[in-house]
């Protein structure tokens, strides 16, 4: 099959030719390098959704999936937010694995009519308050480029 291709650049160090009709679903993880309960991370995910799906509908679906997949999942907050001068929604929740409780906040916004970006901050629940200022600074630095 012969397909028209375009070149995609990844992480500033890689280039690959992919079919023009393919889109990029990406996940980027930044971490403090620690492990276990000392670890903190920021995950940035981009995914495609139906343009008719609202952020609220998208979060409803995410909550169902999280409740199915995370042990002892507990939603602690769901709210509207503004990030990068864009309407966003946030959900904060905890979950437990191997006796350790973790806290995560997902901030979700559209970067195009048919895609969303999720920024997920994560740390041990007992350290969440200490990481909040750092996580807020990271979110405050977000800029949406090349809005489509």
C-alpha atoms as a PDB file:
ATOM      1  CA  UNK A   1       0.000   0.000   0.000  1.00  0.00           C
ATOM      2  CA  UNK A   2       1.438   3.362  -1.008  1.00  0.00           C
ATOM      3  CA  UNK A   3       0.546   6.163   1.370  1.00  0.00           C
ATOM      4  CA  UNK A   4       1.390   9.839   1.478  1.00  0.00           C
ATOM      5  CA  UNK A   5       3.718  10.427   4.421  1.00  0.00           C
ATOM      6  CA  UNK A   6       4.849  13.253   6.647  1.00  0.00           C
ATOM      7  CA  UNK A   7       7.858  13.574   8.899  1.00  0.00           C
ATOM      8  CA  UNK A   8       7.256  13.765  12.636  1.00  0.00           C
ATOM      9  CA  UNK A   9       9.885  14.928  15.114  1.00  0.00           C
ATOM     10  CA  UNK A  10       9.884  13.358  18.579  1.00  0.00           C
ATOM     11  CA  UNK A  11      11.566  14.730  21.678  1.00  0.00           C
ATOM     12  CA  UNK A  12      13.910  16.883  19.592  1.00  0.00           C
ATOM     13  CA  UNK A  13      16.126  13.859  18.908  1.00  0.00           C
ATOM     14  CA  UNK A  14      14.134  11.552  16.641  1.00  0.00           C
ATOM     15  CA  UNK A  15      12.458  11.821  13.287  1.00  0.00           C
ATOM     16  CA  UNK A  16      10.132   9.305  11.672  1.00  0.00           C
ATOM     17  CA  UNK A  17       7.980   9.248   8.519  1.00  0.00           C
ATOM     18  CA  UNK A  18       4.373   8.275   9.161  1.00  0.00           C
ATOM     19  CA  UNK A  19       1.221   8.202   6.996  1.00  0.00           C
ATOM     20  CA  UNK A  20      -0.413  11.628   6.612  1.00  0.00           C
ATOM     21  CA  UNK A  21      -3.735  10.345   7.905  1.00  0.00           C
ATOM     22  CA  UNK A  22      -2.315   9.150  11.244  1.00  0.00           C
ATOM     23  CA  UNK A  23      -2.514  11.380  14.306  1.00  0.00           C
ATOM     24  CA  UNK A  24      -0.292  11.627  17.347  1.00  0.00           C
ATOM     25  CA  UNK A  25      -1.418  10.222  20.674  1.00  0.00           C
ATOM     26  CA  UNK A  26       1.421  10.956  23.019  1.00  0.00           C
ATOM     27  CA  UNK A  27       2.459  10.474  26.620  1.00  0.00           C
ATOM     28  CA  UNK A  28       5.370  12.318  28.219  1.00  0.00           C
ATOM     29  CA  UNK A  29       6.454  11.629  31.793  1.00  0.00           C
ATOM     30  CA  UNK A  30       8.557  13.919  33.963  1.00  0.00           C
ATOM     31  CA  UNK A  31       9.625  12.669  37.398  1.00  0.00           C
ATOM     32  CA  UNK A  32      11.768  13.753  40.303  1.00  0.00           C
ATOM     33  CA  UNK A  33      13.789  10.530  40.001  1.00  0.00           C
ATOM     34  CA  UNK A  34      12.763   9.150  43.374  1.00  0.00           C
ATOM     35  CA  UNK A  35      10.923   5.890  43.913  1.00  0.00           C
ATOM     36  CA  UNK A  36       8.063   4.719  46.114  1.00  0.00           C
ATOM     37  CA  UNK A  37       6.479   7.276  48.400  1.00  0.00           C
ATOM     38  CA  UNK A  38       9.234   9.841  47.696  1.00  0.00           C
ATOM     39  CA  UNK A  39       8.373   9.950  43.988  1.00  0.00           C
ATOM     40  CA  UNK A  40       6.528  12.809  42.312  1.00  0.00           C
ATOM     41  CA  UNK A  41       5.675  13.069  38.648  1.00  0.00           C
ATOM     42  CA  UNK A  42       3.886  14.994  35.952  1.00  0.00           C
ATOM     43  CA  UNK A  43       2.426  13.078  33.027  1.00  0.00           C
ATOM     44  CA  UNK A  44       1.252  14.920  29.907  1.00  0.00           C
ATOM     45  CA  UNK A  45      -1.072  12.931  27.644  1.00  0.00           C
ATOM     46  CA  UNK A  46      -2.686  13.962  24.409  1.00  0.00           C
ATOM     47  CA  UNK A  47      -5.565  12.045  22.927  1.00  0.00           C
ATOM     48  CA  UNK A  48      -8.217  12.411  20.290  1.00  0.00           C
ATOM     49  CA  UNK A  49     -11.943  12.624  21.037  1.00  0.00           C
ATOM     50  CA  UNK A  50     -15.129  13.307  19.138  1.00  0.00           C
ATOM     51  CA  UNK A  51     -15.485  17.107  18.782  1.00  0.00           C
ATOM     52  CA  UNK A  52     -19.045  16.818  20.171  1.00  0.00           C
ATOM     53  CA  UNK A  53     -17.730  15.388  23.455  1.00  0.00           C
ATOM     54  CA  UNK A  54     -17.644  18.023  26.182  1.00  0.00           C
ATOM     55  CA  UNK A  55     -14.904  18.121  28.811  1.00  0.00           C
ATOM     56  CA  UNK A  56     -17.490  17.115  31.390  1.00  0.00           C
ATOM     57  CA  UNK A  57     -18.491  14.068  29.324  1.00  0.00           C
ATOM     58  CA  UNK A  58     -14.832  13.166  28.831  1.00  0.00           C
ATOM     59  CA  UNK A  59     -14.166  13.368  32.584  1.00  0.00           C
ATOM     60  CA  UNK A  60     -17.236  11.223  33.305  1.00  0.00           C
ATOM     61  CA  UNK A  61     -15.716   8.509  31.107  1.00  0.00           C
ATOM     62  CA  UNK A  62     -12.281   8.916  32.710  1.00  0.00           C
ATOM     63  CA  UNK A  63     -13.774   8.576  36.197  1.00  0.00           C
ATOM     64  CA  UNK A  64     -15.476   5.310  35.292  1.00  0.00           C
ATOM     65  CA  UNK A  65     -12.197   3.933  33.914  1.00  0.00           C
ATOM     66  CA  UNK A  66     -10.188   5.096  36.937  1.00  0.00           C
ATOM     67  CA  UNK A  67     -12.682   3.555  39.344  1.00  0.00           C
ATOM     68  CA  UNK A  68     -12.344   0.233  37.486  1.00  0.00           C
ATOM     69  CA  UNK A  69      -8.554   0.233  37.303  1.00  0.00           C
ATOM     70  CA  UNK A  70      -7.228   1.900  40.483  1.00  0.00           C
ATOM     71  CA  UNK A  71      -7.513   0.058  43.810  1.00  0.00           C
ATOM     72  CA  UNK A  72      -9.433   1.969  46.500  1.00  0.00           C
ATOM     73  CA  UNK A  73     -10.135   4.838  44.081  1.00  0.00           C
ATOM     74  CA  UNK A  74     -11.715   7.850  45.840  1.00  0.00           C
ATOM     75  CA  UNK A  75     -12.667  11.062  44.015  1.00  0.00           C
ATOM     76  CA  UNK A  76     -11.945  14.012  46.335  1.00  0.00           C
ATOM     77  CA  UNK A  77     -12.644  16.975  44.021  1.00  0.00           C
ATOM     78  CA  UNK A  78     -13.996  17.813  40.591  1.00  0.00           C
ATOM     79  CA  UNK A  79     -13.974  21.435  39.445  1.00  0.00           C
ATOM     80  CA  UNK A  80     -13.740  23.867  36.550  1.00  0.00           C
ATOM     81  CA  UNK A  81     -10.384  25.571  36.115  1.00  0.00           C
ATOM     82  CA  UNK A  82      -8.536  27.954  33.830  1.00  0.00           C
ATOM     83  CA  UNK A  83      -5.147  26.850  32.533  1.00  0.00           C
ATOM     84  CA  UNK A  84      -3.158  28.680  29.859  1.00  0.00           C
ATOM     85  CA  UNK A  85      -6.130  31.049  29.487  1.00  0.00           C
ATOM     86  CA  UNK A  86      -8.239  28.058  28.457  1.00  0.00           C
ATOM     87  CA  UNK A  87     -11.251  26.463  30.128  1.00  0.00           C
ATOM     88  CA  UNK A  88     -10.173  23.240  31.801  1.00  0.00           C
ATOM     89  CA  UNK A  89     -11.536  20.740  34.270  1.00  0.00           C
ATOM     90  CA  UNK A  90      -9.728  19.171  37.187  1.00  0.00           C
ATOM     91  CA  UNK A  91     -10.335  16.055  39.179  1.00  0.00           C
ATOM     92  CA  UNK A  92      -8.365  15.086  42.254  1.00  0.00           C
ATOM     93  CA  UNK A  93      -8.436  11.570  43.605  1.00  0.00           C
ATOM     94  CA  UNK A  94      -6.569   9.088  45.756  1.00  0.00           C
ATOM     95  CA  UNK A  95      -5.893   5.411  45.350  1.00  0.00           C
ATOM     96  CA  UNK A  96      -3.988   2.762  47.283  1.00  0.00           C
ATOM     97  CA  UNK A  97      -1.464   0.226  46.047  1.00  0.00           C
ATOM     98  CA  UNK A  98       0.510  -2.151  48.271  1.00  0.00           C
ATOM     99  CA  UNK A  99      -0.607  -0.242  51.358  1.00  0.00           C
ATOM    100  CA  UNK A 100       0.582   3.157  50.091  1.00  0.00           C
ATOM    101  CA  UNK A 101      -1.876   5.949  49.284  1.00  0.00           C
ATOM    102  CA  UNK A 102      -1.267   8.165  46.261  1.00  0.00           C
ATOM    103  CA  UNK A 103      -2.847  11.467  45.281  1.00  0.00           C
ATOM    104  CA  UNK A 104      -3.311  12.580  41.691  1.00  0.00           C
ATOM    105  CA  UNK A 105      -4.824  15.623  40.046  1.00  0.00           C
ATOM    106  CA  UNK A 106      -5.777  15.527  36.382  1.00  0.00           C
ATOM    107  CA  UNK A 107      -6.165  18.840  34.586  1.00  0.00           C
ATOM    108  CA  UNK A 108      -7.821  18.379  31.207  1.00  0.00           C
ATOM    109  CA  UNK A 109      -8.206  20.946  28.437  1.00  0.00           C
ATOM    110  CA  UNK A 110      -8.791  20.986  24.714  1.00  0.00           C
ATOM    111  CA  UNK A 111      -5.895  21.936  22.487  1.00  0.00           C
ATOM    112  CA  UNK A 112      -7.972  21.476  19.326  1.00  0.00           C
ATOM    113  CA  UNK A 113     -11.637  20.710  18.641  1.00  0.00           C
ATOM    114  CA  UNK A 114     -10.909  16.983  18.388  1.00  0.00           C
ATOM    115  CA  UNK A 115      -8.203  16.509  21.032  1.00  0.00           C
ATOM    116  CA  UNK A 116      -7.562  16.911  24.728  1.00  0.00           C
ATOM    117  CA  UNK A 117      -4.448  17.299  26.811  1.00  0.00           C
ATOM    118  CA  UNK A 118      -4.358  15.796  30.296  1.00  0.00           C
ATOM    119  CA  UNK A 119      -1.728  16.951  32.779  1.00  0.00           C
ATOM    120  CA  UNK A 120      -1.580  14.474  35.656  1.00  0.00           C
ATOM    121  CA  UNK A 121       0.343  15.381  38.815  1.00  0.00           C
ATOM    122  CA  UNK A 122       1.083  12.558  41.202  1.00  0.00           C
ATOM    123  CA  UNK A 123       2.694  12.007  44.599  1.00  0.00           C
ATOM    124  CA  UNK A 124       2.222  10.000  47.756  1.00  0.00           C
ATOM    125  CA  UNK A 125      -0.869  11.285  49.582  1.00  0.00           C
ATOM    126  CA  UNK A 126       1.158  12.140  52.689  1.00  0.00           C
ATOM    127  CA  UNK A 127       3.432  14.377  50.568  1.00  0.00           C
ATOM    128  CA  UNK A 128       0.732  15.889  48.318  1.00  0.00           C
ATOM    129  CA  UNK A 129       0.484  19.203  50.195  1.00  0.00           C
ATOM    130  CA  UNK A 130       4.267  19.663  49.987  1.00  0.00           C
ATOM    131  CA  UNK A 131       4.217  19.129  46.198  1.00  0.00           C
ATOM    132  CA  UNK A 132       1.187  21.336  45.455  1.00  0.00           C
ATOM    133  CA  UNK A 133       3.168  24.571  45.025  1.00  0.00           C
ATOM    134  CA  UNK A 134       5.542  22.887  42.550  1.00  0.00           C
ATOM    135  CA  UNK A 135       2.669  21.291  40.649  1.00  0.00           C
ATOM    136  CA  UNK A 136       0.812  24.635  40.472  1.00  0.00           C
ATOM    137  CA  UNK A 137       3.942  26.347  39.086  1.00  0.00           C
ATOM    138  CA  UNK A 138       4.224  23.670  36.402  1.00  0.00           C
ATOM    139  CA  UNK A 139       0.556  24.109  35.416  1.00  0.00           C
ATOM    140  CA  UNK A 140       0.925  27.910  35.456  1.00  0.00           C
ATOM    141  CA  UNK A 141       3.753  27.613  32.925  1.00  0.00           C
ATOM    142  CA  UNK A 142       1.601  25.793  30.348  1.00  0.00           C
ATOM    143  CA  UNK A 143       1.113  27.546  26.998  1.00  0.00           C
ATOM    144  CA  UNK A 144      -1.047  26.136  24.213  1.00  0.00           C
ATOM    145  CA  UNK A 145       0.839  26.626  20.940  1.00  0.00           C
ATOM    146  CA  UNK A 146      -0.539  26.387  17.434  1.00  0.00           C
ATOM    147  CA  UNK A 147      -4.167  26.126  18.467  1.00  0.00           C
ATOM    148  CA  UNK A 148      -6.046  24.472  15.647  1.00  0.00           C
END
